[in-house]
């Protein structure tokens, strides 16, 4: 991957006039970064993930350099809309290749390898709908990972990735499966660990991986080499959004008009529901409940507890000392 990165060009460092994500009004630019995915090097926009999820960090361990052309522009990390706006959208432009492949996913997640729209030679307008999953501010402190059954971005338990999302966790499962079955891992996975795994050469990629491709992709296989599903437990994201694409319409002739190929997101309908993770019964509530129950049925109170402690400890010690004297 170091060789591929050095032989290719990271166009996110170009002027924003050439490589950009723009809001639907054309005035606000959204930050775009190059990322390392299971499809190789791709470009990501409108994401709330940290800069650890970038090609430079996963390959070299350094954060992306600041684009000098972006410093003079109003730049957003992710665009947020409200019900008072007619619609919200943005366009990712600047690709000079013959065709592009797009992935639409949550701003809190990474692309899923089997959830793409396929290559297209024209620009495409996607119409998604989203159902956001939020969390209370005290969720992380009041509940353990096992209790809430979800992880925040910084709560990584992974080896190859310094951050956590559910799809990233599944990528690490594929890394471990590939190493277990083929005794090496593909070159497009990050390998900056204390004991790096061997990288597969072309012959192994051609001979071993096609036999188990379905198992690597779905983590289970029916009527194949593997009867049992892969042992892979990945918690959900505490902050997330369920994104469903309602339609994908081609922009015929956009390449000649704009001078490049790209994709557009246009959100026309607003979500009606939002899911919230919250602590219903905390440890403090438990103590209050025990105290209230004891006071109701036993006539027990804090003063009674202090008297009980005094009777069996301090008063008893004084009596023993008195007898000794």
Protein backbone atom coordinates (compact mmCIF):
# COMPACT_ATOMS: atom_id res chain seq x y z
CA UNK A 1 0.00 0.00 0.00
CA UNK A 2 2.92 2.36 0.58
CA UNK A 3 4.03 1.74 -3.01
CA UNK A 4 0.51 2.22 -4.39
CA UNK A 5 0.05 5.42 -2.37
CA UNK A 6 3.37 6.85 -3.57
CA UNK A 7 2.64 5.96 -7.21
CA UNK A 8 -0.84 7.49 -7.15
CA UNK A 9 -2.00 11.02 -6.40
CA UNK A 10 -4.07 12.18 -3.46
CA UNK A 11 -6.32 14.70 -5.18
CA UNK A 12 -7.80 15.90 -1.88
CA UNK A 13 -4.79 18.25 -1.75
CA UNK A 14 -5.82 19.97 -4.97
CA UNK A 15 -7.58 23.36 -4.96
CA UNK A 16 -11.21 23.06 -3.92
CA UNK A 17 -12.24 24.22 -7.39
CA UNK A 18 -11.03 20.88 -8.76
CA UNK A 19 -11.68 18.38 -5.96
CA UNK A 20 -14.55 19.29 -3.65
CA UNK A 21 -17.80 18.42 -2.01
CA UNK A 22 -20.26 21.30 -2.21
CA UNK A 23 -23.57 21.91 -0.53
CA UNK A 24 -26.70 22.23 -2.60
CA UNK A 25 -26.51 26.04 -2.60
CA UNK A 26 -22.98 25.88 -3.98
CA UNK A 27 -21.55 28.22 -1.33
CA UNK A 28 -20.25 25.87 1.37
CA UNK A 29 -17.48 23.33 0.81
CA UNK A 30 -17.37 20.07 2.76
CA UNK A 31 -14.10 18.45 3.75
CA UNK A 32 -13.00 15.48 1.62
CA UNK A 33 -10.27 13.02 2.57
CA UNK A 34 -8.64 10.01 0.96
CA UNK A 35 -9.31 6.78 2.89
CA UNK A 36 -8.05 3.22 2.78
CA UNK A 37 -10.88 0.76 2.19
CA UNK A 38 -11.35 -2.87 1.18
CA UNK A 39 -11.64 -1.56 -2.38
CA UNK A 40 -8.34 0.31 -2.10
CA UNK A 41 -7.96 4.09 -2.03
CA UNK A 42 -11.27 6.00 -2.10
CA UNK A 43 -12.53 9.49 -1.23
CA UNK A 44 -14.83 10.20 1.70
CA UNK A 45 -16.96 13.26 2.32
CA UNK A 46 -19.54 14.40 4.89
CA UNK A 47 -18.19 12.13 7.62
CA UNK A 48 -18.06 12.56 11.39
CA UNK A 49 -15.24 10.04 11.86
CA UNK A 50 -11.87 11.24 13.11
CA UNK A 51 -8.78 11.82 10.99
CA UNK A 52 -7.48 8.39 12.05
CA UNK A 53 -9.68 7.07 9.27
CA UNK A 54 -7.52 8.30 6.40
CA UNK A 55 -5.10 6.69 4.01
CA UNK A 56 -2.05 8.52 5.41
CA UNK A 57 -2.77 7.51 9.00
CA UNK A 58 -3.58 3.85 8.30
CA UNK A 59 -0.58 3.40 5.97
CA UNK A 60 2.09 5.67 7.51
CA UNK A 61 0.73 6.49 10.98
CA UNK A 62 0.65 10.26 10.38
CA UNK A 63 -2.38 12.54 10.19
CA UNK A 64 -3.30 14.06 6.82
CA UNK A 65 -1.63 17.36 6.01
CA UNK A 66 -3.76 20.47 5.96
CA UNK A 67 -4.78 21.52 2.46
CA UNK A 68 -3.54 25.08 2.04
CA UNK A 69 -6.33 25.78 -0.43
CA UNK A 70 -8.98 24.91 2.16
CA UNK A 71 -7.76 27.34 4.81
CA UNK A 72 -9.25 30.36 3.01
CA UNK A 73 -12.65 28.74 2.48
CA UNK A 74 -15.59 28.02 4.74
CA UNK A 75 -15.31 24.29 5.26
CA UNK A 76 -17.65 21.87 7.01
CA UNK A 77 -16.82 18.43 8.30
CA UNK A 78 -20.41 17.27 7.86
CA UNK A 79 -23.54 19.05 6.74
CA UNK A 80 -26.54 19.18 9.08
CA UNK A 81 -30.05 20.06 7.95
CA UNK A 82 -33.28 21.10 9.64
CA UNK A 83 -37.01 20.98 8.90
CA UNK A 84 -37.00 24.66 7.92
CA UNK A 85 -34.86 23.94 4.86
CA UNK A 86 -36.41 22.80 1.61
CA UNK A 87 -33.84 20.08 1.05
CA UNK A 88 -30.22 19.34 1.92
CA UNK A 89 -27.64 17.88 -0.38
CA UNK A 90 -24.10 18.04 -1.67
CA UNK A 91 -22.15 17.06 -4.77
CA UNK A 92 -18.79 15.32 -4.96
CA UNK A 93 -17.00 16.46 -8.13
CA UNK A 94 -13.57 16.44 -9.70
CA UNK A 95 -13.02 12.86 -10.87
CA UNK A 96 -11.44 12.51 -14.31
CA UNK A 97 -11.63 8.72 -14.48
CA UNK A 98 -13.81 6.86 -16.98
CA UNK A 99 -16.17 5.54 -14.28
CA UNK A 100 -16.71 5.71 -10.52
CA UNK A 101 -18.28 3.49 -7.89
CA UNK A 102 -20.21 5.05 -4.99
CA UNK A 103 -21.14 4.00 -1.47
CA UNK A 104 -23.83 5.76 0.58
CA UNK A 105 -23.59 5.14 4.33
CA UNK A 106 -23.93 6.73 7.75
CA UNK A 107 -21.69 9.66 8.69
CA UNK A 108 -20.64 7.60 11.74
CA UNK A 109 -19.66 4.54 9.67
CA UNK A 110 -17.37 3.40 6.88
CA UNK A 111 -18.39 1.83 3.60
CA UNK A 112 -19.57 -1.77 3.55
CA UNK A 113 -17.78 -3.75 0.89
CA UNK A 114 -20.91 -5.45 -0.49
CA UNK A 115 -23.16 -2.38 -0.42
CA UNK A 116 -22.06 -0.46 -3.51
CA UNK A 117 -24.07 0.76 -6.51
CA UNK A 118 -21.67 -0.47 -9.18
CA UNK A 119 -19.57 1.47 -11.65
CA UNK A 120 -21.17 4.20 -13.71
CA UNK A 121 -19.80 6.36 -16.49
CA UNK A 122 -22.20 9.21 -15.68
CA UNK A 123 -22.92 11.13 -12.51
CA UNK A 124 -25.70 9.82 -10.28
CA UNK A 125 -28.13 11.61 -7.94
CA UNK A 126 -28.95 9.56 -4.84
CA UNK A 127 -32.08 10.17 -2.76
CA UNK A 128 -31.52 8.68 0.72
CA UNK A 129 -33.53 8.68 3.92
CA UNK A 130 -32.00 8.45 7.36
CA UNK A 131 -32.99 7.39 10.87
CA UNK A 132 -30.50 8.72 13.40
CA UNK A 133 -29.38 6.91 16.55
CA UNK A 134 -28.20 9.24 19.32
CA UNK A 135 -27.11 8.71 22.93
CA UNK A 136 -27.41 10.58 26.21
CA UNK A 137 -24.30 12.37 27.41
CA UNK A 138 -24.06 10.17 30.51
CA UNK A 139 -24.42 6.87 28.63
CA UNK A 140 -20.68 6.25 28.36
CA UNK A 141 -20.05 6.87 32.09
CA UNK A 142 -23.18 5.30 33.55
CA UNK A 143 -23.09 2.02 31.58
CA UNK A 144 -20.33 -0.37 30.61
CA UNK A 145 -19.87 -1.68 27.07
CA UNK A 146 -21.43 -4.98 28.10
CA UNK A 147 -24.47 -3.24 29.56
CA UNK A 148 -25.17 -0.87 26.68
CA UNK A 149 -24.04 -3.38 24.01
CA UNK A 150 -22.49 -0.69 21.84
CA UNK A 151 -19.17 1.13 21.46
CA UNK A 152 -18.21 4.72 20.86
CA UNK A 153 -15.69 5.68 18.18
CA UNK A 154 -12.75 5.91 20.61
CA UNK A 155 -13.51 2.60 22.41
CA UNK A 156 -11.53 0.39 20.07
CA UNK A 157 -10.74 -3.20 21.02
CA UNK A 158 -9.24 -3.92 17.60
CA UNK A 159 -5.65 -4.71 16.66
CA UNK A 160 -5.30 -3.22 13.17
CA UNK A 161 -7.47 -0.13 13.69
CA UNK A 162 -7.09 2.58 16.39
CA UNK A 163 -10.82 3.40 16.32
CA UNK A 164 -14.09 1.48 16.31
CA UNK A 165 -17.10 1.15 14.06
CA UNK A 166 -19.12 -1.99 13.43
CA UNK A 167 -18.01 -2.27 9.79
CA UNK A 168 -14.38 -1.72 10.79
CA UNK A 169 -14.76 -4.53 13.33
CA UNK A 170 -16.03 -6.80 10.54
CA UNK A 171 -13.02 -5.81 8.43
CA UNK A 172 -10.74 -7.01 11.21
CA UNK A 173 -12.69 -10.27 11.29
CA UNK A 174 -11.90 -10.69 7.58
CA UNK A 175 -8.23 -9.94 8.27
CA UNK A 176 -8.08 -12.69 10.88
CA UNK A 177 -9.98 -15.14 8.67
CA UNK A 178 -7.69 -14.44 5.72
CA UNK A 179 -4.61 -14.98 7.89
CA UNK A 180 -6.07 -18.17 9.37
CA UNK A 181 -7.05 -19.72 6.01
CA UNK A 182 -4.55 -18.29 3.52
CA UNK A 183 -1.69 -17.61 6.00
CA UNK A 184 -1.43 -13.99 4.83
CA UNK A 185 -3.55 -10.86 4.43
CA UNK A 186 -4.35 -8.75 1.33
CA UNK A 187 -2.28 -5.62 0.77
CA UNK A 188 -5.20 -3.19 1.17
CA UNK A 189 -5.59 -3.84 4.91
CA UNK A 190 -3.68 -1.71 7.46
CA UNK A 191 -0.81 -3.67 8.97
CA UNK A 192 0.92 -1.21 11.32
CA UNK A 193 0.98 -3.46 14.40
CA UNK A 194 3.67 -4.80 16.72
CA UNK A 195 3.91 -8.06 14.79
CA UNK A 196 2.81 -7.36 11.20
CA UNK A 197 1.13 -10.20 9.35
CA UNK A 198 2.66 -11.36 6.04
CA UNK A 199 1.16 -9.74 2.96
CA UNK A 200 -0.13 -12.05 0.24
CA UNK A 201 1.58 -12.13 -3.12
CA UNK A 202 -0.30 -12.30 -6.40
CA UNK A 203 -0.22 -16.10 -6.63
CA UNK A 204 -1.84 -16.60 -3.22
CA UNK A 205 -4.42 -13.90 -3.92
CA UNK A 206 -5.35 -15.72 -7.13
CA UNK A 207 -5.33 -19.28 -5.76
CA UNK A 208 -6.64 -19.01 -2.19
CA UNK A 209 -9.06 -16.11 -1.97
CA UNK A 210 -11.51 -16.97 -4.80
CA UNK A 211 -12.28 -20.29 -3.08
CA UNK A 212 -13.33 -18.57 0.14
CA UNK A 213 -14.55 -15.22 -1.23
CA UNK A 214 -18.16 -15.73 -0.15
CA UNK A 215 -17.08 -16.77 3.35
CA UNK A 216 -14.81 -13.72 3.71
CA UNK A 217 -17.55 -11.42 2.48
CA UNK A 218 -20.53 -12.66 4.49
CA UNK A 219 -18.60 -14.32 7.38
CA UNK A 220 -20.68 -17.46 6.81
CA UNK A 221 -21.18 -19.90 3.94
CA UNK A 222 -23.88 -22.32 2.89
CA UNK A 223 -22.98 -25.55 1.10
CA UNK A 224 -19.32 -24.64 0.90
CA UNK A 225 -15.98 -25.33 2.54
CA UNK A 226 -17.07 -23.86 5.88
CA UNK A 227 -20.02 -25.33 7.78
CA UNK A 228 -19.76 -23.08 10.82
CA UNK A 229 -20.00 -19.25 10.69
CA UNK A 230 -16.97 -17.20 11.61
CA UNK A 231 -16.55 -16.34 15.29
CA UNK A 232 -16.93 -12.60 15.04
CA UNK A 233 -18.77 -10.50 17.62
CA UNK A 234 -19.04 -6.82 16.75
CA UNK A 235 -21.05 -4.45 18.91
CA UNK A 236 -23.18 -1.77 17.32
CA UNK A 237 -22.19 1.89 17.19
CA UNK A 238 -23.58 3.98 20.04
CA UNK A 239 -23.90 6.89 17.59
CA UNK A 240 -25.10 5.92 14.16
CA UNK A 241 -27.73 6.38 11.47
CA UNK A 242 -29.68 3.87 9.42
CA UNK A 243 -29.42 5.08 5.81
CA UNK A 244 -31.67 3.73 3.07
CA UNK A 245 -31.38 4.87 -0.54
CA UNK A 246 -34.79 5.28 -2.14
CA UNK A 247 -33.63 6.04 -5.67
CA UNK A 248 -30.51 6.51 -7.80
CA UNK A 249 -31.01 8.55 -10.98
CA UNK A 250 -28.27 9.05 -13.61
CA UNK A 251 -27.22 12.57 -14.58
CA UNK A 252 -26.88 12.01 -18.33
CA UNK A 253 -24.52 14.49 -19.95
CA UNK A 254 -23.17 15.82 -16.64
CA UNK A 255 -19.62 14.78 -17.48
CA UNK A 256 -19.53 17.03 -20.56
CA UNK A 257 -21.27 19.86 -18.71
CA UNK A 258 -19.14 19.85 -15.53
CA UNK A 259 -15.90 18.63 -17.03
CA UNK A 260 -15.65 15.75 -14.55
CA UNK A 261 -17.64 12.88 -13.14
CA UNK A 262 -19.18 12.78 -9.66
CA UNK A 263 -22.15 11.93 -7.48
CA UNK A 264 -24.82 14.00 -5.79
CA UNK A 265 -26.82 13.46 -2.59
CA UNK A 266 -30.20 15.15 -2.32
CA UNK A 267 -32.28 14.56 0.80
CA UNK A 268 -35.85 15.60 0.02
CA UNK A 269 -37.83 13.98 2.83
CA UNK A 270 -37.06 14.44 6.51
CA UNK A 271 -37.03 11.55 8.98
CA UNK A 272 -40.03 11.09 11.23
CA UNK A 273 -38.29 9.00 13.92
CA UNK A 274 -35.08 9.17 15.93
CA UNK A 275 -33.76 6.45 18.21
CA UNK A 276 -32.09 7.34 21.51
CA UNK A 277 -29.87 5.28 23.77
CA UNK A 278 -30.36 6.24 27.40
CA UNK A 279 -29.79 4.92 30.91
CA UNK A 280 -33.21 4.10 32.37
CA UNK A 281 -32.04 2.79 35.75
CA UNK A 282 -28.60 3.87 37.01
CA UNK A 283 -26.59 2.85 40.08
CA UNK A 284 -27.75 6.00 41.88
CA UNK A 285 -31.34 5.04 41.16
CA UNK A 286 -30.60 1.61 42.62
CA UNK A 287 -29.35 3.10 45.91
CA UNK A 288 -32.35 5.41 46.14
CA UNK A 289 -34.68 2.52 45.43
CA UNK A 290 -33.10 0.32 48.12
CA UNK A 291 -33.25 3.14 50.66
CA UNK A 292 -36.88 3.93 49.82
CA UNK A 293 -37.92 0.27 50.03
CA UNK A 294 -36.14 -0.20 53.36
CA UNK A 295 -37.76 2.94 54.75
CA UNK A 296 -41.22 1.89 53.59
CA UNK A 297 -41.25 -1.69 54.86
CA UNK A 298 -38.73 -1.62 57.72
CA UNK A 299 -38.87 1.95 58.98
CA UNK A 300 -35.21 2.15 58.09
CA UNK A 301 -33.46 5.48 57.43
CA UNK A 302 -29.99 7.01 57.24
CA UNK A 303 -30.21 7.96 60.91
CA UNK A 304 -31.12 4.37 61.74
CA UNK A 305 -28.09 3.17 59.76
CA UNK A 306 -25.81 5.54 61.72
CA UNK A 307 -27.25 4.30 65.02
CA UNK A 308 -26.78 0.68 63.93
CA UNK A 309 -23.18 1.36 63.01
CA UNK A 310 -22.60 3.12 66.35
CA UNK A 311 -24.18 0.29 68.34
CA UNK A 312 -22.08 -2.52 66.82
CA UNK A 313 -18.74 -0.69 66.46
CA UNK A 314 -17.89 2.44 68.44
CA UNK A 315 -20.17 1.69 71.46
CA UNK A 316 -18.89 -1.89 71.63
CA UNK A 317 -15.25 -0.75 71.57
CA UNK A 318 -15.89 1.74 74.36
CA UNK A 319 -17.47 -0.96 76.50
CA UNK A 320 -14.50 -3.31 76.01
CA UNK A 321 -12.06 -0.54 76.91
CA UNK A 322 -14.17 0.31 79.95
CA UNK A 323 -14.05 -3.27 81.22
CA UNK A 324 -10.28 -3.39 80.69
CA UNK A 325 -9.70 -0.22 82.68
